[in-house]
Protein backbone atom coordinates (compact mmCIF):
# COMPACT_ATOMS: atom_id res chain seq x y z
CA MET A 1 -87.19 27.64 18.18
CA ALA A 2 -84.56 27.54 20.93
CA PHE A 3 -83.34 24.12 22.05
CA SER A 4 -84.51 23.51 25.61
CA HIS A 5 -84.65 20.32 27.61
CA LEU A 6 -84.85 19.60 31.33
CA PRO A 7 -82.40 16.82 32.21
CA VAL A 8 -84.26 14.00 33.97
CA MET A 9 -83.10 12.84 37.42
CA LEU A 10 -80.05 15.07 37.19
CA GLU A 11 -78.81 14.64 40.76
CA GLU A 12 -79.52 10.91 40.79
CA CYS A 13 -77.53 10.46 37.56
CA LEU A 14 -74.59 12.49 38.83
CA ASP A 15 -74.54 10.70 42.17
CA GLY A 16 -74.66 7.40 40.30
CA LEU A 17 -71.64 8.32 38.17
CA ASN A 18 -69.55 8.97 41.29
CA ILE A 19 -67.69 11.73 39.40
CA LYS A 20 -64.08 12.56 40.22
CA ASP A 21 -61.56 15.17 39.12
CA GLY A 22 -59.51 13.97 36.19
CA GLY A 23 -62.03 11.33 35.15
CA VAL A 24 -63.03 10.63 31.55
CA TYR A 25 -66.78 10.41 30.93
CA TYR A 26 -69.01 9.48 28.00
CA ASP A 27 -72.46 10.96 27.39
CA GLY A 28 -74.02 8.86 24.64
CA THR A 29 -77.00 11.15 23.97
CA ILE A 30 -75.94 14.68 24.85
CA GLY A 31 -79.23 16.41 23.98
CA GLY A 32 -79.08 20.01 25.18
CA GLY A 33 -76.04 19.28 27.34
CA GLY A 34 -77.77 19.45 30.73
CA HIS A 35 -76.22 16.31 32.18
CA SER A 36 -72.91 16.95 30.42
CA TYR A 37 -72.60 20.47 31.84
CA GLU A 38 -72.81 19.13 35.39
CA ILE A 39 -70.43 16.25 34.63
CA LEU A 40 -67.80 18.70 33.34
CA LYS A 41 -68.41 21.03 36.27
CA ARG A 42 -67.93 18.24 38.80
CA CYS A 43 -64.88 16.62 37.20
CA ALA A 44 -63.06 19.97 36.97
CA PRO A 45 -60.44 21.09 36.46
CA HIS A 46 -58.87 18.11 34.70
CA GLY A 47 -61.81 15.87 33.78
CA ARG A 48 -62.82 15.18 30.19
CA LEU A 49 -66.07 14.43 28.38
CA ILE A 50 -66.72 12.57 25.11
CA ALA A 51 -70.27 12.79 23.75
CA THR A 52 -72.37 11.72 20.78
CA ASP A 53 -75.75 12.65 19.35
CA LEU A 54 -77.54 12.32 16.03
CA ASP A 55 -79.47 15.59 16.26
CA ASP A 56 -77.71 18.57 14.67
CA ASP A 57 -79.78 21.02 16.72
CA ALA A 58 -78.86 19.22 19.93
CA ILE A 59 -75.16 19.23 19.05
CA ALA A 60 -75.24 22.95 18.27
CA ALA A 61 -77.10 23.73 21.51
CA ALA A 62 -74.80 21.56 23.63
CA THR A 63 -71.67 23.01 22.04
CA GLU A 64 -72.86 26.51 22.92
CA ARG A 65 -73.84 25.51 26.44
CA LEU A 66 -70.51 23.82 27.15
CA LYS A 67 -68.25 26.49 25.63
CA CYS A 68 -67.04 27.54 29.10
CA PHE A 69 -65.38 24.09 29.26
CA GLU A 70 -63.60 24.48 25.92
CA GLY A 71 -60.74 22.04 25.50
CA ARG A 72 -62.26 19.48 27.88
CA PHE A 73 -65.01 18.03 25.70
CA GLU A 74 -65.59 16.63 22.22
CA ILE A 75 -68.98 15.99 20.59
CA PHE A 76 -69.33 13.62 17.64
CA LYS A 77 -72.36 13.34 15.35
CA ALA A 78 -73.02 9.63 15.77
CA ASN A 79 -75.39 7.12 17.27
CA TYR A 80 -74.28 6.16 20.78
CA LYS A 81 -74.09 2.59 19.49
CA ASN A 82 -71.12 3.73 17.39
CA TYR A 83 -69.16 4.55 20.53
CA GLU A 84 -66.16 2.58 19.21
CA THR A 85 -65.62 5.12 16.44
CA ALA A 86 -66.09 8.09 18.78
CA PHE A 87 -63.67 6.64 21.34
CA LYS A 88 -61.06 5.95 18.66
CA SER A 89 -61.37 9.48 17.27
CA ALA A 90 -60.97 10.90 20.77
CA GLY A 91 -58.03 8.63 21.58
CA ILE A 92 -59.91 7.00 24.43
CA GLU A 93 -59.69 3.34 25.42
CA LYS A 94 -61.40 3.21 28.82
CA VAL A 95 -63.66 5.65 30.67
CA ASP A 96 -64.56 6.35 34.29
CA GLY A 97 -68.26 6.80 33.69
CA ILE A 98 -70.98 6.40 31.07
CA LEU A 99 -74.37 8.09 30.83
CA LEU A 100 -77.05 6.95 28.40
CA ASP A 101 -80.33 8.91 28.33
CA PHE A 102 -82.73 7.26 25.89
CA GLY A 103 -85.45 9.90 26.17
CA VAL A 104 -86.74 12.09 23.35
CA SER A 105 -85.92 15.70 24.23
CA SER A 106 -88.56 18.30 25.02
CA TYR A 107 -87.29 20.27 22.02
CA GLN A 108 -87.84 17.35 19.66
CA LEU A 109 -91.36 16.79 20.99
CA ASP A 110 -92.28 20.47 20.90
CA CYS A 111 -90.71 21.29 17.53
CA GLU A 112 -93.60 20.77 15.11
CA GLU A 113 -91.52 20.12 11.99
CA ARG A 114 -89.82 17.15 13.68
CA GLY A 115 -93.12 15.24 13.77
CA PHE A 116 -92.57 13.41 17.07
CA SER A 117 -95.74 14.49 18.87
CA TYR A 118 -99.28 13.19 18.53
CA MET A 119 -100.39 16.54 20.00
CA LYS A 120 -99.40 18.49 16.87
CA PRO A 121 -101.88 17.51 14.13
CA ASN A 122 -100.28 19.58 11.35
CA ALA A 123 -96.78 18.21 11.96
CA PRO A 124 -95.25 16.11 9.17
CA LEU A 125 -94.82 12.38 9.68
CA ASP A 126 -91.08 12.55 10.23
CA MET A 127 -89.81 11.33 13.66
CA ARG A 128 -86.12 11.20 12.66
CA MET A 129 -83.50 11.80 15.35
CA ASP A 130 -81.03 12.35 12.52
CA SER A 131 -82.60 14.68 9.96
CA GLY A 132 -80.15 13.38 7.36
CA SER A 133 -81.37 9.77 7.49
CA GLN A 134 -83.63 8.44 4.74
CA LEU A 135 -86.33 6.57 6.64
CA THR A 136 -89.28 8.61 7.97
CA ALA A 137 -92.61 7.82 9.61
CA GLU A 138 -94.30 8.84 6.35
CA ILE A 139 -92.42 6.15 4.44
CA ILE A 140 -93.32 3.47 7.00
CA LEU A 141 -97.02 4.34 7.07
CA ASN A 142 -97.37 4.70 3.29
CA GLU A 143 -94.99 2.09 1.90
CA TYR A 144 -94.71 -0.73 4.42
CA SER A 145 -97.07 -3.68 4.15
CA GLU A 146 -99.97 -4.20 6.54
CA ARG A 147 -98.09 -7.06 8.15
CA GLN A 148 -94.94 -4.97 8.64
CA ILE A 149 -96.89 -2.08 10.19
CA ALA A 150 -98.81 -4.40 12.52
CA PHE A 151 -95.52 -5.95 13.65
CA ILE A 152 -94.02 -2.53 14.44
CA LEU A 153 -97.08 -1.41 16.42
CA LYS A 154 -97.26 -4.69 18.33
CA GLU A 155 -93.55 -5.22 19.02
CA TYR A 156 -92.42 -1.66 19.66
CA GLY A 157 -95.60 -0.13 21.04
CA GLU A 158 -97.18 -3.16 22.71
CA GLU A 159 -100.39 -1.99 21.10
CA LYS A 160 -103.18 -4.56 21.51
CA PHE A 161 -105.10 -3.12 18.55
CA ALA A 162 -102.06 -3.26 16.24
CA ASN A 163 -103.68 -5.45 13.57
CA ALA A 164 -106.80 -3.30 13.35
CA ILE A 165 -104.82 -0.04 13.23
CA ALA A 166 -102.57 -1.44 10.49
CA ALA A 167 -105.59 -2.54 8.45
CA ASN A 168 -107.13 0.93 8.72
CA ILE A 169 -103.85 2.58 7.74
CA ILE A 170 -103.87 0.54 4.53
CA LYS A 171 -107.48 1.60 3.83
CA ALA A 172 -106.77 5.27 4.55
CA ARG A 173 -103.66 5.47 2.38
CA ALA A 174 -105.49 3.93 -0.59
CA GLY A 175 -107.34 7.22 -1.01
CA ARG A 176 -104.53 9.67 -0.18
CA ARG A 177 -100.94 9.61 1.03
CA LEU A 178 -100.67 10.01 4.77
CA LYS A 179 -98.53 13.07 5.49
CA THR A 180 -99.42 14.54 8.89
CA CYS A 181 -99.43 13.39 12.49
CA GLY A 182 -103.08 14.41 12.67
CA GLN A 183 -104.02 11.88 9.98
CA PHE A 184 -102.23 9.12 11.90
CA VAL A 185 -103.91 10.12 15.17
CA GLU A 186 -107.33 10.14 13.49
CA ILE A 187 -106.87 6.58 12.21
CA ILE A 188 -105.80 5.37 15.66
CA GLU A 189 -108.63 7.10 17.51
CA ASN A 190 -111.19 5.80 15.02
CA THR A 191 -109.87 2.26 15.44
CA ILE A 192 -109.49 1.84 19.21
CA PRO A 193 -112.85 1.44 20.99
CA ARG A 194 -113.72 4.43 23.19
CA LYS A 195 -113.73 2.38 26.38
CA PHE A 196 -110.01 1.68 25.83
CA GLN A 197 -109.16 5.36 25.39
CA GLN A 198 -109.63 6.36 29.02
CA ASN A 199 -106.05 5.86 30.23
CA GLY A 200 -104.14 8.51 28.34
CA PRO A 201 -103.83 9.44 24.64
CA ALA A 202 -104.83 6.61 22.32
CA ALA A 203 -102.00 7.45 19.92
CA ARG A 204 -99.13 7.30 22.44
CA LYS A 205 -98.17 3.64 21.91
CA SER A 206 -98.37 3.78 18.12
CA PHE A 207 -96.27 6.95 17.93
CA GLN A 208 -93.67 5.37 20.20
CA ALA A 209 -93.61 2.27 18.01
CA VAL A 210 -93.13 4.12 14.73
CA ARG A 211 -90.46 6.41 16.25
CA ILE A 212 -88.52 3.35 17.46
CA ALA A 213 -88.75 1.80 13.99
CA VAL A 214 -87.67 5.00 12.22
CA ASN A 215 -84.59 5.37 14.42
CA GLY A 216 -83.75 1.69 14.99
CA GLU A 217 -83.70 2.38 18.71
CA LEU A 218 -83.74 -1.22 19.93
CA GLU A 219 -81.44 -2.72 17.30
CA GLY A 220 -78.14 -3.67 18.87
CA LEU A 221 -79.08 -2.11 22.21
CA TYR A 222 -78.15 -5.18 24.28
CA GLU A 223 -74.77 -5.45 22.57
CA CYS A 224 -74.20 -1.72 23.04
CA VAL A 225 -74.91 -1.83 26.78
CA THR A 226 -72.63 -4.81 27.36
CA GLY A 227 -69.90 -3.47 25.09
CA LEU A 228 -69.90 -0.02 26.66
CA THR A 229 -69.89 -1.48 30.18
CA ARG A 230 -66.71 -3.38 29.28
CA ARG A 231 -65.12 -0.05 28.32
CA LEU A 232 -65.34 1.10 31.94
CA LYS A 233 -62.25 1.19 34.13
CA LYS A 234 -62.46 -0.91 37.29
CA GLY A 235 -64.72 1.01 39.66
CA GLY A 236 -66.30 2.98 36.81
CA ARG A 237 -70.07 3.39 36.64
CA ILE A 238 -72.65 3.16 33.85
CA VAL A 239 -75.89 5.09 34.38
CA ILE A 240 -78.84 4.44 32.05
CA LEU A 241 -82.16 6.30 31.81
CA THR A 242 -84.93 4.46 29.96
CA PHE A 243 -88.40 5.74 29.13
CA HIS A 244 -90.38 2.67 28.14
CA SER A 245 -90.51 -0.96 29.17
CA LEU A 246 -88.85 -2.38 26.05
CA GLU A 247 -85.62 -0.45 26.66
CA ASP A 248 -85.69 -1.11 30.37
CA ARG A 249 -86.04 -4.87 29.89
CA ILE A 250 -83.01 -4.96 27.61
CA VAL A 251 -80.88 -2.95 30.06
CA LYS A 252 -82.06 -5.07 32.98
CA ARG A 253 -81.20 -8.30 31.12
CA ALA A 254 -77.77 -7.02 30.09
CA PHE A 255 -76.92 -5.99 33.66
CA LYS A 256 -78.18 -9.25 35.16
CA GLU A 257 -76.17 -11.39 32.77
CA MET A 258 -73.01 -9.36 33.36
CA GLU A 259 -73.48 -9.71 37.12
CA LEU A 260 -73.63 -13.50 36.93
CA ASP A 261 -70.61 -15.53 37.96
CA CYS A 262 -70.18 -19.15 36.87
CA ILE A 263 -73.18 -20.43 34.88
CA CYS A 264 -72.13 -24.09 34.82
CA ASP A 265 -74.49 -26.89 35.77
CA LYS A 266 -74.34 -27.14 39.56
CA SER A 267 -73.66 -30.88 39.31
CA LEU A 268 -70.22 -30.23 37.82
CA PRO A 269 -67.35 -30.44 40.36
CA VAL A 270 -65.49 -27.46 38.86
CA CYS A 271 -66.30 -24.46 36.66
CA VAL A 272 -65.76 -25.10 32.95
CA CYS A 273 -67.56 -22.06 31.52
CA GLY A 274 -64.97 -19.53 32.67
CA LYS A 275 -67.58 -16.80 33.13
CA LYS A 276 -66.70 -14.16 35.70
CA LYS A 277 -68.87 -11.58 37.39
CA GLU A 278 -68.13 -8.27 35.65
CA ILE A 279 -70.33 -5.75 37.41
CA GLU A 280 -72.13 -4.99 40.63
CA ILE A 281 -75.65 -3.70 40.09
CA ILE A 282 -76.04 -0.60 42.27
CA THR A 283 -79.79 -0.19 41.72
CA LYS A 284 -81.41 -3.51 42.62
CA LYS A 285 -84.69 -1.85 41.62
CA PRO A 286 -84.75 1.03 39.15
CA THR A 287 -84.82 4.54 40.59
CA VAL A 288 -87.77 6.70 39.55
CA ALA A 289 -88.25 10.45 39.61
CA THR A 290 -89.46 12.13 42.79
CA VAL A 291 -92.97 13.50 43.12
CA LYS A 292 -91.46 17.00 43.09
CA GLU A 293 -89.66 16.37 39.79
CA THR A 294 -92.66 14.79 38.06
CA ALA A 295 -94.73 17.83 39.07
CA LEU A 296 -92.16 20.11 37.40
CA ASN A 297 -91.42 17.86 34.44
CA SER A 298 -94.19 15.49 33.39
CA ARG A 299 -91.84 13.75 30.95
CA SER A 300 -89.90 12.31 33.89
CA LYS A 301 -92.89 10.23 35.04
CA CYS A 302 -92.04 7.16 32.97
CA ALA A 303 -88.26 7.34 33.46
CA LYS A 304 -86.32 4.51 35.10
CA LEU A 305 -82.70 4.78 36.18
CA ARG A 306 -80.38 1.78 36.42
CA ILE A 307 -76.75 1.93 37.59
CA ALA A 308 -73.95 -0.64 37.57
CA GLU A 309 -70.28 -0.58 38.57
CA ARG A 310 -67.46 -2.41 36.81
CA ILE A 311 -65.62 -4.65 39.26
CA ILE A 312 -62.90 -6.26 37.10
């Protein structure tokens, strides 16, 4: 299966980065290379791109797509949270722009053996971004305790029926090991009352939750956003695409706290905290995809784009 993925809010991301010739840019989740291709094109002829991704198929596809820019880009197999290692390997200290796209690619969703989609009943319970990692959805659903599973569904999926779904997972796996996405979907649909299944697929929240747990998507995210932002040169921009409320809240909080100046008690005559405003938030409210884009790419419907500029 060929790797294909439509980059979400492409023009909005590129405008947000304020790309310039000779700039150095970081794409934390390169995917199929859609955003990166345009970054390299617009920072030509002297601009440079550093990128990371955990997916071997994505790295191979992006490398092929970007080969016309050979010598101007480097891709490292790593989690974007390990940007320090990638920057050191590339000999980079500061960058002019950062793009983080937290979405699951169309390829990953459509590729049955990856097990990301609740629409593919025969797919294995996998959900790994990095196929070399040990933890899978199958392990979580078959080996985690009822309490652990309920926590994952509630915290990462905001699923109101988390406790009931977890209890039914324990019952189902007592008779046979759960191995397919279809088995997981069946448990969810048999647990959630029909009247609560009218607003989209019943399994969506639970699949999101388990995928987040498998890949540790929220662990260290706040520290990553703040740390990366501090790697920007003065005037550099960070552009972040989120696809669910949990990610967006973390990004929003990180940006707001970095935009704050003195946080001392107002009754004090002088500042003693020493905190300085580090960024200017460009998007006071997150940008969302246009009606035209959502019609062409349904996966852009839940995307939110936030942009900030380093000012010190």
